[in-house]
Amino acid sequence: MTTHHTSKPAAGPTQPIERAVMAGLVLAVIAALAWIGGMLYTVTGWSS
C-alpha cells in the first residue's frame, strides 16, 4: 500500500495571486509618484 502523495505544482494557484500583488504594487507606485508630483506642485506654487 502506497501512502506517498504527489504534491501539485505551486505555479497554478499562485499565479492569479501573484498578478494581483503585482497590480497592487504598480498602482501603489503610480499613486506615490502622483502624490510626490502634487506635493512639488504645491510647494512651487507657494514659493512663487
Protein backbone atom coordinates (compact mmCIF):
# COMPACT_ATOMS: atom_id res chain seq x y z
CA MET A 1 0.00 0.00 0.00
CA THR A 2 1.48 3.31 -1.05
CA THR A 3 0.97 6.36 1.14
CA HIS A 4 3.04 8.78 -0.92
CA HIS A 5 1.05 11.69 -2.30
CA THR A 6 2.43 13.76 -5.13
CA SER A 7 2.29 17.46 -4.49
CA LYS A 8 0.61 19.61 -7.08
CA PRO A 9 2.71 22.30 -8.75
CA ALA A 10 2.51 25.60 -6.92
CA ALA A 11 2.58 27.67 -10.12
CA GLY A 12 -1.11 27.16 -10.89
CA PRO A 13 -2.91 28.51 -7.80
CA THR A 14 -0.38 31.24 -7.03
CA GLN A 15 -0.43 32.81 -10.50
CA PRO A 16 -3.59 34.94 -10.02
CA ILE A 17 -2.39 35.97 -6.57
CA GLU A 18 0.98 37.00 -7.96
CA ARG A 19 -0.74 39.00 -10.70
CA ALA A 20 -2.91 40.77 -8.11
CA VAL A 21 0.13 41.59 -5.98
CA MET A 22 1.98 42.99 -8.99
CA ALA A 23 -1.05 45.08 -9.98
CA GLY A 24 -1.26 46.42 -6.43
CA LEU A 25 2.42 47.33 -6.41
CA VAL A 26 2.16 49.09 -9.77
CA LEU A 27 -0.85 51.08 -8.56
CA ALA A 28 0.98 51.96 -5.35
CA VAL A 29 3.99 53.25 -7.32
CA ILE A 30 1.75 55.32 -9.59
CA ALA A 31 -0.08 56.76 -6.58
CA ALA A 32 3.22 57.59 -4.86
CA LEU A 33 4.55 59.35 -7.95
CA ALA A 34 1.30 61.30 -8.31
CA TRP A 35 1.47 62.31 -4.64
CA ILE A 36 5.09 63.46 -4.96
CA GLY A 37 4.17 65.40 -8.09
CA GLY A 38 1.29 67.05 -6.27
CA MET A 39 3.50 68.00 -3.35
CA LEU A 40 6.12 69.51 -5.67
CA TYR A 41 3.39 71.44 -7.50
CA THR A 42 2.04 72.74 -4.18
CA VAL A 43 5.44 73.77 -2.86
CA THR A 44 6.41 75.53 -6.10
CA GLY A 45 3.02 77.28 -6.04
CA TRP A 46 3.71 78.59 -2.54
CA SER A 47 7.15 79.89 -3.38
CA SER A 48 6.02 81.93 -6.41
